[in-house]
Amino acid sequence: MEKTTVYLDSDDYLRLKRLAAEQQRPSAELIREAVAEYTKRHAATRVARSIGAFSSGRDDLGERAEELLTGLGQP
């Protein structure tokens, strides 16, 4: 675990202290939980390594996609 310093405005600090007291948990634990939730929610989504790894040899797929997909999945 790493240590850091966080500056809070007075109102946020008081709300944090009240919430910690109500839940009988240390305020540092609540801050760690909040940071973990925030960073998970805002983390960049991983892109599969296979995306862009292959080449079809065609350079007109974007322009002709509908035409090229016509009949796909039909007997």
C-alpha atoms as a PDB file:
ATOM      1  CA  MET A   1       0.000   0.000   0.000  1.00  0.00           C
ATOM      2  CA  GLU A   2       1.236   3.490  -0.847  1.00  0.00           C
ATOM      3  CA  LYS A   3       0.762   6.632   1.186  1.00  0.00           C
ATOM      4  CA  THR A   4      -0.463   9.929  -0.240  1.00  0.00           C
ATOM      5  CA  THR A   5      -1.882  13.224   0.980  1.00  0.00           C
ATOM      6  CA  VAL A   6      -5.308  14.433  -0.106  1.00  0.00           C
ATOM      7  CA  TYR A   7      -6.639  17.931   0.507  1.00  0.00           C
ATOM      8  CA  LEU A   8     -10.404  18.188   0.945  1.00  0.00           C
ATOM      9  CA  ASP A   9     -12.574  21.233   1.345  1.00  0.00           C
ATOM     10  CA  SER A  10     -14.139  21.601   4.783  1.00  0.00           C
ATOM     11  CA  ASP A  11     -17.629  20.411   3.830  1.00  0.00           C
ATOM     12  CA  ASP A  12     -16.346  17.249   2.132  1.00  0.00           C
ATOM     13  CA  TYR A  13     -14.071  16.543   5.085  1.00  0.00           C
ATOM     14  CA  LEU A  14     -16.944  16.834   7.571  1.00  0.00           C
ATOM     15  CA  ARG A  15     -19.213  14.613   5.468  1.00  0.00           C
ATOM     16  CA  LEU A  16     -16.434  12.040   5.184  1.00  0.00           C
ATOM     17  CA  LYS A  17     -15.862  12.052   8.966  1.00  0.00           C
ATOM     18  CA  ARG A  18     -19.605  11.682   9.642  1.00  0.00           C
ATOM     19  CA  LEU A  19     -19.954   8.843   7.159  1.00  0.00           C
ATOM     20  CA  ALA A  20     -16.911   7.065   8.594  1.00  0.00           C
ATOM     21  CA  ALA A  21     -18.349   7.381  12.107  1.00  0.00           C
ATOM     22  CA  GLU A  22     -21.761   6.107  10.988  1.00  0.00           C
ATOM     23  CA  GLN A  23     -20.188   3.094   9.302  1.00  0.00           C
ATOM     24  CA  GLN A  24     -17.617   2.618  12.074  1.00  0.00           C
ATOM     25  CA  ARG A  25     -14.841   2.553   9.487  1.00  0.00           C
ATOM     26  CA  PRO A  26     -11.709   4.656   9.129  1.00  0.00           C
ATOM     27  CA  SER A  27     -12.040   7.602   6.745  1.00  0.00           C
ATOM     28  CA  ALA A  28      -8.900   6.378   4.932  1.00  0.00           C
ATOM     29  CA  GLU A  29     -10.728   3.142   4.108  1.00  0.00           C
ATOM     30  CA  LEU A  30     -13.641   5.099   2.614  1.00  0.00           C
ATOM     31  CA  ILE A  31     -11.237   7.178   0.533  1.00  0.00           C
ATOM     32  CA  ARG A  32      -9.459   4.047  -0.744  1.00  0.00           C
ATOM     33  CA  GLU A  33     -12.813   2.520  -1.673  1.00  0.00           C
ATOM     34  CA  ALA A  34     -13.928   5.690  -3.463  1.00  0.00           C
ATOM     35  CA  VAL A  35     -10.668   5.957  -5.419  1.00  0.00           C
ATOM     36  CA  ALA A  36     -10.864   2.284  -6.413  1.00  0.00           C
ATOM     37  CA  GLU A  37     -14.428   2.681  -7.692  1.00  0.00           C
ATOM     38  CA  TYR A  38     -13.598   5.895  -9.557  1.00  0.00           C
ATOM     39  CA  THR A  39     -10.500   4.529 -11.250  1.00  0.00           C
ATOM     40  CA  LYS A  40     -12.272   1.342 -12.329  1.00  0.00           C
ATOM     41  CA  ARG A  41     -15.168   3.329 -13.793  1.00  0.00           C
ATOM     42  CA  HIS A  42     -12.884   5.734 -15.676  1.00  0.00           C
ATOM     43  CA  ALA A  43     -10.167   3.322 -16.775  1.00  0.00           C
ATOM     44  CA  ALA A  44      -9.641   2.953 -20.502  1.00  0.00           C
ATOM     45  CA  THR A  45     -11.275  -0.165 -21.845  1.00  0.00           C
ATOM     46  CA  ARG A  46      -8.884  -2.797 -23.082  1.00  0.00           C
ATOM     47  CA  VAL A  47      -8.844  -3.503 -26.773  1.00  0.00           C
ATOM     48  CA  ALA A  48      -8.318  -7.079 -27.858  1.00  0.00           C
ATOM     49  CA  ARG A  49      -4.799  -7.650 -29.169  1.00  0.00           C
ATOM     50  CA  SER A  50      -6.257  -9.285 -32.282  1.00  0.00           C
ATOM     51  CA  ILE A  51      -7.897  -6.056 -33.452  1.00  0.00           C
ATOM     52  CA  GLY A  52      -5.875  -4.714 -36.321  1.00  0.00           C
ATOM     53  CA  ALA A  53      -3.512  -7.698 -36.217  1.00  0.00           C
ATOM     54  CA  PHE A  54      -4.584  -9.117 -39.561  1.00  0.00           C
ATOM     55  CA  SER A  55      -4.921  -7.748 -43.050  1.00  0.00           C
ATOM     56  CA  SER A  56      -7.557  -8.772 -45.583  1.00  0.00           C
ATOM     57  CA  GLY A  57      -5.420  -7.528 -48.427  1.00  0.00           C
ATOM     58  CA  ARG A  58      -8.280  -5.251 -49.462  1.00  0.00           C
ATOM     59  CA  ASP A  59      -8.309  -1.517 -49.118  1.00  0.00           C
ATOM     60  CA  ASP A  60     -11.955  -0.988 -50.094  1.00  0.00           C
ATOM     61  CA  LEU A  61     -13.746  -2.795 -47.242  1.00  0.00           C
ATOM     62  CA  GLY A  62     -15.108   0.367 -45.674  1.00  0.00           C
ATOM     63  CA  GLU A  63     -16.518   1.577 -48.962  1.00  0.00           C
ATOM     64  CA  ARG A  64     -17.967  -1.775 -50.067  1.00  0.00           C
ATOM     65  CA  ALA A  65     -18.976  -3.352 -46.741  1.00  0.00           C
ATOM     66  CA  GLU A  66     -22.703  -3.636 -47.484  1.00  0.00           C
ATOM     67  CA  GLU A  67     -22.053  -5.095 -50.932  1.00  0.00           C
ATOM     68  CA  LEU A  68     -19.503  -7.581 -49.635  1.00  0.00           C
ATOM     69  CA  LEU A  69     -21.789  -8.728 -46.784  1.00  0.00           C
ATOM     70  CA  THR A  70     -24.860  -9.251 -48.985  1.00  0.00           C
ATOM     71  CA  GLY A  71     -26.093 -12.827 -48.648  1.00  0.00           C
ATOM     72  CA  LEU A  72     -23.896 -13.617 -45.668  1.00  0.00           C
ATOM     73  CA  GLY A  73     -25.593 -16.174 -43.414  1.00  0.00           C
ATOM     74  CA  GLN A  74     -28.144 -17.211 -45.998  1.00  0.00           C
ATOM     75  CA  PRO A  75     -28.213 -20.768 -47.397  1.00  0.00           C
END
